[in-house]
Each structure stands twice: as C-alpha cells, then as structure tokens.
Amino acid sequence: MFSFARLLVIMGIILIIAGGLIYLVARLGSLPGRLPGDIRIERNNLTCVFALGASILLSIILTVILNIIIRILNK
C-alpha cells in the first residue's frame, strides 16, 4: 500500500505542475500551432496546423518527467 500511496502523490504533483504550465502558456498567449517550427496552412475556408515545434517540446518535457519518475521509483 505504501508504494501505491507514493505513486498517487507523485502523480498528483505531476498533474499540479502540468496544470501550472498549461496556465502559464495560456497567459503568455503561446498556443500550439504558434510556436517556431510549426507549419500553418491557411486557405479560404481551411486551416491546417502541423504542430512540429509543439510536438518536439512536449516530447522533451515528457522524457524529462518520466526519467525523473523512474529514478524516484527505483530508489
């Protein structure tokens, strides 16, 4: 039970941090599709967004978070 409780606490902390980051991104006005490296195609009644920059940024952030969690759980 102790390890399950610790896992829930860690997941709660991660959710708080993710919520804070989402709040800060929204306040700064930088939304996915507006980052450098994102491809945006606009036509008369069609808009296509390929969020390459946002995908790379999200991948880096998730890799760091998951590595931290794995190191904490292996102790």
PDB file of N, CA and C in Angstrom:
ATOM      1  N   MET A   1       0.811  -1.204   0.000  1.00  0.00           N
ATOM      2  CA  MET A   1       0.000   0.000   0.000  1.00  0.00           C
ATOM      3  C   MET A   1       0.853   1.266   0.000  1.00  0.00           C
ATOM      4  N   PHE A   2       2.009   1.182   0.664  1.00  0.00           N
ATOM      5  CA  PHE A   2       2.868   2.359   0.750  1.00  0.00           C
ATOM      6  C   PHE A   2       3.327   2.806  -0.636  1.00  0.00           C
ATOM      7  N   SER A   3       3.709   1.864  -1.491  1.00  0.00           N
ATOM      8  CA  SER A   3       4.195   2.235  -2.828  1.00  0.00           C
ATOM      9  C   SER A   3       3.060   2.812  -3.677  1.00  0.00           C
ATOM     10  N   PHE A   4       1.838   2.287  -3.501  1.00  0.00           N
ATOM     11  CA  PHE A   4       0.696   2.817  -4.244  1.00  0.00           C
ATOM     12  C   PHE A   4       0.390   4.248  -3.802  1.00  0.00           C
ATOM     13  N   ALA A   5       0.471   4.508  -2.497  1.00  0.00           N
ATOM     14  CA  ALA A   5       0.235   5.860  -1.986  1.00  0.00           C
ATOM     15  C   ALA A   5       1.292   6.821  -2.522  1.00  0.00           C
ATOM     16  N   ARG A   6       2.531   6.364  -2.547  1.00  0.00           N
ATOM     17  CA  ARG A   6       3.605   7.215  -3.061  1.00  0.00           C
ATOM     18  C   ARG A   6       3.393   7.514  -4.547  1.00  0.00           C
ATOM     19  N   LEU A   7       2.945   6.511  -5.302  1.00  0.00           N
ATOM     20  CA  LEU A   7       2.662   6.709  -6.718  1.00  0.00           C
ATOM     21  C   LEU A   7       1.546   7.734  -6.919  1.00  0.00           C
ATOM     22  N   LEU A   8       0.502   7.659  -6.110  1.00  0.00           N
ATOM     23  CA  LEU A   8      -0.598   8.630  -6.223  1.00  0.00           C
ATOM     24  C   LEU A   8      -0.134  10.052  -5.897  1.00  0.00           C
ATOM     25  N   VAL A   9       0.723  10.186  -4.893  1.00  0.00           N
ATOM     26  CA  VAL A   9       1.248  11.512  -4.545  1.00  0.00           C
ATOM     27  C   VAL A   9       2.092  12.062  -5.688  1.00  0.00           C
ATOM     28  N   ILE A  10       2.935  11.229  -6.259  1.00  0.00           N
ATOM     29  CA  ILE A  10       3.778  11.673  -7.376  1.00  0.00           C
ATOM     30  C   ILE A  10       2.922  12.075  -8.571  1.00  0.00           C
ATOM     31  N   MET A  11       1.905  11.277  -8.865  1.00  0.00           N
ATOM     32  CA  MET A  11       1.021  11.613  -9.986  1.00  0.00           C
ATOM     33  C   MET A  11       0.269  12.920  -9.711  1.00  0.00           C
ATOM     34  N   GLY A  12      -0.125  13.148  -8.475  1.00  0.00           N
ATOM     35  CA  GLY A  12      -0.790  14.400  -8.120  1.00  0.00           C
ATOM     36  C   GLY A  12       0.127  15.599  -8.312  1.00  0.00           C
ATOM     37  N   ILE A  13       1.374  15.455  -7.904  1.00  0.00           N
ATOM     38  CA  ILE A  13       2.340  16.541  -8.078  1.00  0.00           C
ATOM     39  C   ILE A  13       2.561  16.826  -9.560  1.00  0.00           C
ATOM     40  N   ILE A  14       2.644  15.767 -10.358  1.00  0.00           N
ATOM     41  CA  ILE A  14       2.831  15.950 -11.803  1.00  0.00           C
ATOM     42  C   ILE A  14       1.633  16.667 -12.411  1.00  0.00           C
ATOM     43  N   LEU A  15       0.427  16.308 -11.981  1.00  0.00           N
ATOM     44  CA  LEU A  15      -0.765  16.982 -12.501  1.00  0.00           C
ATOM     45  C   LEU A  15      -0.797  18.455 -12.104  1.00  0.00           C
ATOM     46  N   ILE A  16      -0.369  18.766 -10.892  1.00  0.00           N
ATOM     47  CA  ILE A  16      -0.319  20.167 -10.461  1.00  0.00           C
ATOM     48  C   ILE A  16       0.686  20.939 -11.311  1.00  0.00           C
ATOM     49  N   ILE A  17       1.846  20.358 -11.537  1.00  0.00           N
ATOM     50  CA  ILE A  17       2.866  21.022 -12.353  1.00  0.00           C
ATOM     51  C   ILE A  17       2.374  21.199 -13.790  1.00  0.00           C
ATOM     52  N   ALA A  18       1.750  20.159 -14.352  1.00  0.00           N
ATOM     53  CA  ALA A  18       1.236  20.255 -15.726  1.00  0.00           C
ATOM     54  C   ALA A  18       0.153  21.325 -15.817  1.00  0.00           C
ATOM     55  N   GLY A  19      -0.731  21.379 -14.834  1.00  0.00           N
ATOM     56  CA  GLY A  19      -1.767  22.413 -14.820  1.00  0.00           C
ATOM     57  C   GLY A  19      -1.176  23.805 -14.744  1.00  0.00           C
ATOM     58  N   GLY A  20      -0.151  23.962 -13.923  1.00  0.00           N
ATOM     59  CA  GLY A  20       0.516  25.262 -13.819  1.00  0.00           C
ATOM     60  C   GLY A  20       1.183  25.666 -15.128  1.00  0.00           C
ATOM     61  N   LEU A  21       1.816  24.701 -15.791  1.00  0.00           N
ATOM     62  CA  LEU A  21       2.448  25.004 -17.078  1.00  0.00           C
ATOM     63  C   LEU A  21       1.418  25.372 -18.138  1.00  0.00           C
ATOM     64  N   ILE A  22       0.311  24.666 -18.158  1.00  0.00           N
ATOM     65  CA  ILE A  22      -0.744  24.989 -19.117  1.00  0.00           C
ATOM     66  C   ILE A  22      -1.308  26.378 -18.840  1.00  0.00           C
ATOM     67  N   TYR A  23      -1.483  26.706 -17.570  1.00  0.00           N
ATOM     68  CA  TYR A  23      -1.968  28.036 -17.197  1.00  0.00           C
ATOM     69  C   TYR A  23      -0.985  29.123 -17.653  1.00  0.00           C
ATOM     70  N   LEU A  24       0.314  28.895 -17.425  1.00  0.00           N
ATOM     71  CA  LEU A  24       1.313  29.884 -17.834  1.00  0.00           C
ATOM     72  C   LEU A  24       1.367  30.043 -19.352  1.00  0.00           C
ATOM     73  N   VAL A  25       1.268  28.943 -20.072  1.00  0.00           N
ATOM     74  CA  VAL A  25       1.288  29.014 -21.541  1.00  0.00           C
ATOM     75  C   VAL A  25       0.076  29.795 -22.041  1.00  0.00           C
ATOM     76  N   ALA A  26      -1.079  29.559 -21.435  1.00  0.00           N
ATOM     77  CA  ALA A  26      -2.284  30.285 -21.843  1.00  0.00           C
ATOM     78  C   ALA A  26      -2.155  31.773 -21.529  1.00  0.00           C
ATOM     79  N   ARG A  27      -1.543  32.109 -20.399  1.00  0.00           N
ATOM     80  CA  ARG A  27      -1.379  33.521 -20.032  1.00  0.00           C
ATOM     81  C   ARG A  27      -0.388  34.231 -20.951  1.00  0.00           C
ATOM     82  N   LEU A  28       0.623  33.503 -21.411  1.00  0.00           N
ATOM     83  CA  LEU A  28       1.621  34.107 -22.283  1.00  0.00           C
ATOM     84  C   LEU A  28       1.122  34.239 -23.719  1.00  0.00           C
ATOM     85  N   GLY A  29       0.060  33.521 -24.058  1.00  0.00           N
ATOM     86  CA  GLY A  29      -0.525  33.632 -25.389  1.00  0.00           C
ATOM     87  C   GLY A  29       0.135  32.757 -26.424  1.00  0.00           C
ATOM     88  N   SER A  30       1.011  31.864 -26.005  1.00  0.00           N
ATOM     89  CA  SER A  30       1.664  30.960 -26.946  1.00  0.00           C
ATOM     90  C   SER A  30       0.899  29.651 -26.967  1.00  0.00           C
ATOM     91  N   LEU A  31       0.156  29.444 -28.023  1.00  0.00           N
ATOM     92  CA  LEU A  31      -0.649  28.241 -28.151  1.00  0.00           C
ATOM     93  C   LEU A  31      -0.019  27.289 -29.152  1.00  0.00           C
ATOM     94  N   PRO A  32      -0.330  25.990 -29.067  1.00  0.00           N
ATOM     95  CA  PRO A  32       0.188  25.079 -30.095  1.00  0.00           C
ATOM     96  C   PRO A  32      -0.257  25.543 -31.480  1.00  0.00           C
ATOM     97  N   GLY A  33       0.641  25.480 -32.419  1.00  0.00           N
ATOM     98  CA  GLY A  33       0.364  25.994 -33.753  1.00  0.00           C
ATOM     99  C   GLY A  33       0.944  27.371 -33.958  1.00  0.00           C
ATOM    100  N   ARG A  34       1.443  27.960 -32.904  1.00  0.00           N
ATOM    101  CA  ARG A  34       2.044  29.295 -32.985  1.00  0.00           C
ATOM    102  C   ARG A  34       3.513  29.295 -32.573  1.00  0.00           C
ATOM    103  N   LEU A  35       4.074  28.133 -32.287  1.00  0.00           N
ATOM    104  CA  LEU A  35       5.470  28.050 -31.889  1.00  0.00           C
ATOM    105  C   LEU A  35       6.367  28.019 -33.120  1.00  0.00           C
ATOM    106  N   PRO A  36       7.641  28.404 -32.954  1.00  0.00           N
ATOM    107  CA  PRO A  36       8.569  28.285 -34.080  1.00  0.00           C
ATOM    108  C   PRO A  36       8.695  26.827 -34.501  1.00  0.00           C
ATOM    109  N   GLY A  37       8.686  26.561 -35.770  1.00  0.00           N
ATOM    110  CA  GLY A  37       8.775  25.203 -36.279  1.00  0.00           C
ATOM    111  C   GLY A  37       7.426  24.609 -36.631  1.00  0.00           C
ATOM    112  N   ASP A  38       6.343  25.252 -36.220  1.00  0.00           N
ATOM    113  CA  ASP A  38       5.008  24.770 -36.557  1.00  0.00           C
ATOM    114  C   ASP A  38       4.646  25.218 -37.970  1.00  0.00           C
ATOM    115  N   ILE A  39       3.992  24.338 -38.682  1.00  0.00           N
ATOM    116  CA  ILE A  39       3.576  24.635 -40.054  1.00  0.00           C
ATOM    117  C   ILE A  39       2.087  24.941 -40.035  1.00  0.00           C
ATOM    118  N   ARG A  40       1.721  26.092 -40.583  1.00  0.00           N
ATOM    119  CA  ARG A  40       0.323  26.528 -40.602  1.00  0.00           C
ATOM    120  C   ARG A  40      -0.041  26.896 -42.033  1.00  0.00           C
ATOM    121  N   ILE A  41      -1.037  26.206 -42.567  1.00  0.00           N
ATOM    122  CA  ILE A  41      -1.500  26.464 -43.935  1.00  0.00           C
ATOM    123  C   ILE A  41      -2.918  27.003 -43.854  1.00  0.00           C
ATOM    124  N   GLU A  42      -3.122  28.212 -44.370  1.00  0.00           N
ATOM    125  CA  GLU A  42      -4.451  28.830 -44.340  1.00  0.00           C
ATOM    126  C   GLU A  42      -4.909  29.093 -45.770  1.00  0.00           C
ATOM    127  N   ARG A  43      -6.087  28.624 -46.071  1.00  0.00           N
ATOM    128  CA  ARG A  43      -6.737  28.875 -47.359  1.00  0.00           C
ATOM    129  C   ARG A  43      -8.055  29.591 -47.096  1.00  0.00           C
ATOM    130  N   ASN A  44      -8.899  29.699 -48.086  1.00  0.00           N
ATOM    131  CA  ASN A  44     -10.158  30.435 -47.947  1.00  0.00           C
ATOM    132  C   ASN A  44     -10.997  29.956 -46.763  1.00  0.00           C
ATOM    133  N   ASN A  45     -11.323  28.694 -46.718  1.00  0.00           N
ATOM    134  CA  ASN A  45     -12.144  28.178 -45.629  1.00  0.00           C
ATOM    135  C   ASN A  45     -11.511  26.947 -44.987  1.00  0.00           C
ATOM    136  N   LEU A  46     -10.178  26.869 -45.012  1.00  0.00           N
ATOM    137  CA  LEU A  46      -9.480  25.709 -44.481  1.00  0.00           C
ATOM    138  C   LEU A  46      -8.216  26.164 -43.775  1.00  0.00           C
ATOM    139  N   THR A  47      -7.986  25.625 -42.588  1.00  0.00           N
ATOM    140  CA  THR A  47      -6.749  25.881 -41.861  1.00  0.00           C
ATOM    141  C   THR A  47      -6.191  24.547 -41.380  1.00  0.00           C
ATOM    142  N   CYS A  48      -4.954  24.255 -41.761  1.00  0.00           N
ATOM    143  CA  CYS A  48      -4.266  23.038 -41.316  1.00  0.00           C
ATOM    144  C   CYS A  48      -3.054  23.458 -40.490  1.00  0.00           C
ATOM    145  N   VAL A  49      -2.917  22.849 -39.324  1.00  0.00           N
ATOM    146  CA  VAL A  49      -1.793  23.154 -38.446  1.00  0.00           C
ATOM    147  C   VAL A  49      -1.045  21.858 -38.163  1.00  0.00           C
ATOM    148  N   PHE A  50       0.242  21.842 -38.469  1.00  0.00           N
ATOM    149  CA  PHE A  50       1.124  20.736 -38.137  1.00  0.00           C
ATOM    150  C   PHE A  50       2.060  21.240 -37.047  1.00  0.00           C
ATOM    151  N   ALA A  51       1.764  20.871 -35.812  1.00  0.00           N
ATOM    152  CA  ALA A  51       2.473  21.409 -34.644  1.00  0.00           C
ATOM    153  C   ALA A  51       3.770  20.639 -34.397  1.00  0.00           C
ATOM    154  N   LEU A  52       4.750  20.807 -35.271  1.00  0.00           N
ATOM    155  CA  LEU A  52       6.024  20.111 -35.121  1.00  0.00           C
ATOM    156  C   LEU A  52       6.815  20.645 -33.934  1.00  0.00           C
ATOM    157  N   GLY A  53       6.870  21.949 -33.781  1.00  0.00           N
ATOM    158  CA  GLY A  53       7.597  22.542 -32.660  1.00  0.00           C
ATOM    159  C   GLY A  53       6.975  22.158 -31.330  1.00  0.00           C
ATOM    160  N   ALA A  54       5.649  22.183 -31.265  1.00  0.00           N
ATOM    161  CA  ALA A  54       4.955  21.810 -30.027  1.00  0.00           C
ATOM    162  C   ALA A  54       5.159  20.332 -29.722  1.00  0.00           C
ATOM    163  N   SER A  55       5.185  19.489 -30.755  1.00  0.00           N
ATOM    164  CA  SER A  55       5.394  18.051 -30.557  1.00  0.00           C
ATOM    165  C   SER A  55       6.789  17.768 -30.013  1.00  0.00           C
ATOM    166  N   ILE A  56       7.782  18.430 -30.549  1.00  0.00           N
ATOM    167  CA  ILE A  56       9.158  18.243 -30.079  1.00  0.00           C
ATOM    168  C   ILE A  56       9.297  18.735 -28.648  1.00  0.00           C
ATOM    169  N   LEU A  57       8.719  19.892 -28.346  1.00  0.00           N
ATOM    170  CA  LEU A  57       8.774  20.435 -26.990  1.00  0.00           C
ATOM    171  C   LEU A  57       8.072  19.511 -26.000  1.00  0.00           C
ATOM    172  N   LEU A  58       6.905  19.016 -26.350  1.00  0.00           N
ATOM    173  CA  LEU A  58       6.172  18.100 -25.489  1.00  0.00           C
ATOM    174  C   LEU A  58       6.941  16.800 -25.282  1.00  0.00           C
ATOM    175  N   SER A  59       7.585  16.307 -26.315  1.00  0.00           N
ATOM    176  CA  SER A  59       8.375  15.091 -26.210  1.00  0.00           C
ATOM    177  C   SER A  59       9.540  15.266 -25.247  1.00  0.00           C
ATOM    178  N   ILE A  60      10.221  16.376 -25.320  1.00  0.00           N
ATOM    179  CA  ILE A  60      11.349  16.646 -24.420  1.00  0.00           C
ATOM    180  C   ILE A  60      10.867  16.750 -22.979  1.00  0.00           C
ATOM    181  N   ILE A  61       9.781  17.473 -22.756  1.00  0.00           N
ATOM    182  CA  ILE A  61       9.251  17.648 -21.396  1.00  0.00           C
ATOM    183  C   ILE A  61       8.816  16.312 -20.812  1.00  0.00           C
ATOM    184  N   LEU A  62       8.095  15.504 -21.583  1.00  0.00           N
ATOM    185  CA  LEU A  62       7.638  14.211 -21.079  1.00  0.00           C
ATOM    186  C   LEU A  62       8.802  13.258 -20.826  1.00  0.00           C
ATOM    187  N   THR A  63       9.837  13.306 -21.648  1.00  0.00           N
ATOM    188  CA  THR A  63      11.010  12.466 -21.430  1.00  0.00           C
ATOM    189  C   THR A  63      11.692  12.813 -20.117  1.00  0.00           C
ATOM    190  N   VAL A  64      11.853  14.097 -19.846  1.00  0.00           N
ATOM    191  CA  VAL A  64      12.479  14.522 -18.599  1.00  0.00           C
ATOM    192  C   VAL A  64      11.623  14.103 -17.401  1.00  0.00           C
ATOM    193  N   ILE A  65      10.319  14.328 -17.465  1.00  0.00           N
ATOM    194  CA  ILE A  65       9.430  13.974 -16.356  1.00  0.00           C
ATOM    195  C   ILE A  65       9.442  12.465 -16.106  1.00  0.00           C
ATOM    196  N   LEU A  66       9.344  11.673 -17.159  1.00  0.00           N
ATOM    197  CA  LEU A  66       9.342  10.226 -16.980  1.00  0.00           C
ATOM    198  C   LEU A  66      10.674   9.714 -16.449  1.00  0.00           C
ATOM    199  N   ASN A  67      11.789  10.291 -16.870  1.00  0.00           N
ATOM    200  CA  ASN A  67      13.087   9.888 -16.325  1.00  0.00           C
ATOM    201  C   ASN A  67      13.190  10.219 -14.841  1.00  0.00           C
ATOM    202  N   ILE A  68      12.661  11.357 -14.428  1.00  0.00           N
ATOM    203  CA  ILE A  68      12.668  11.716 -13.009  1.00  0.00           C
ATOM    204  C   ILE A  68      11.816  10.733 -12.213  1.00  0.00           C
ATOM    205  N   ILE A  69      10.637  10.398 -12.730  1.00  0.00           N
ATOM    206  CA  ILE A  69       9.754   9.456 -12.028  1.00  0.00           C
ATOM    207  C   ILE A  69      10.428   8.093 -11.909  1.00  0.00           C
ATOM    208  N   ILE A  70      11.048   7.613 -12.965  1.00  0.00           N
ATOM    209  CA  ILE A  70      11.700   6.308 -12.926  1.00  0.00           C
ATOM    210  C   ILE A  70      12.840   6.307 -11.923  1.00  0.00           C
ATOM    211  N   ARG A  71      13.626   7.372 -11.865  1.00  0.00           N
ATOM    212  CA  ARG A  71      14.711   7.449 -10.893  1.00  0.00           C
ATOM    213  C   ARG A  71      14.195   7.476  -9.465  1.00  0.00           C
ATOM    214  N   ILE A  72      13.069   8.158  -9.224  1.00  0.00           N
ATOM    215  CA  ILE A  72      12.500   8.224  -7.878  1.00  0.00           C
ATOM    216  C   ILE A  72      11.957   6.854  -7.467  1.00  0.00           C
ATOM    217  N   LEU A  73      11.287   6.164  -8.374  1.00  0.00           N
ATOM    218  CA  LEU A  73      10.681   4.875  -8.050  1.00  0.00           C
ATOM    219  C   LEU A  73      11.712   3.759  -7.902  1.00  0.00           C
ATOM    220  N   ASN A  74      12.880   3.881  -8.522  1.00  0.00           N
ATOM    221  CA  ASN A  74      13.907   2.838  -8.416  1.00  0.00           C
ATOM    222  C   ASN A  74      14.746   2.939  -7.163  1.00  0.00           C
ATOM    223  N   LYS A  75      14.585   3.984  -6.369  1.00  0.00           N
ATOM    224  CA  LYS A  75      15.380   4.131  -5.145  1.00  0.00           C
ATOM    225  C   LYS A  75      14.897   3.227  -4.066  1.00  0.00           C
TER     226      LYS A  75
END
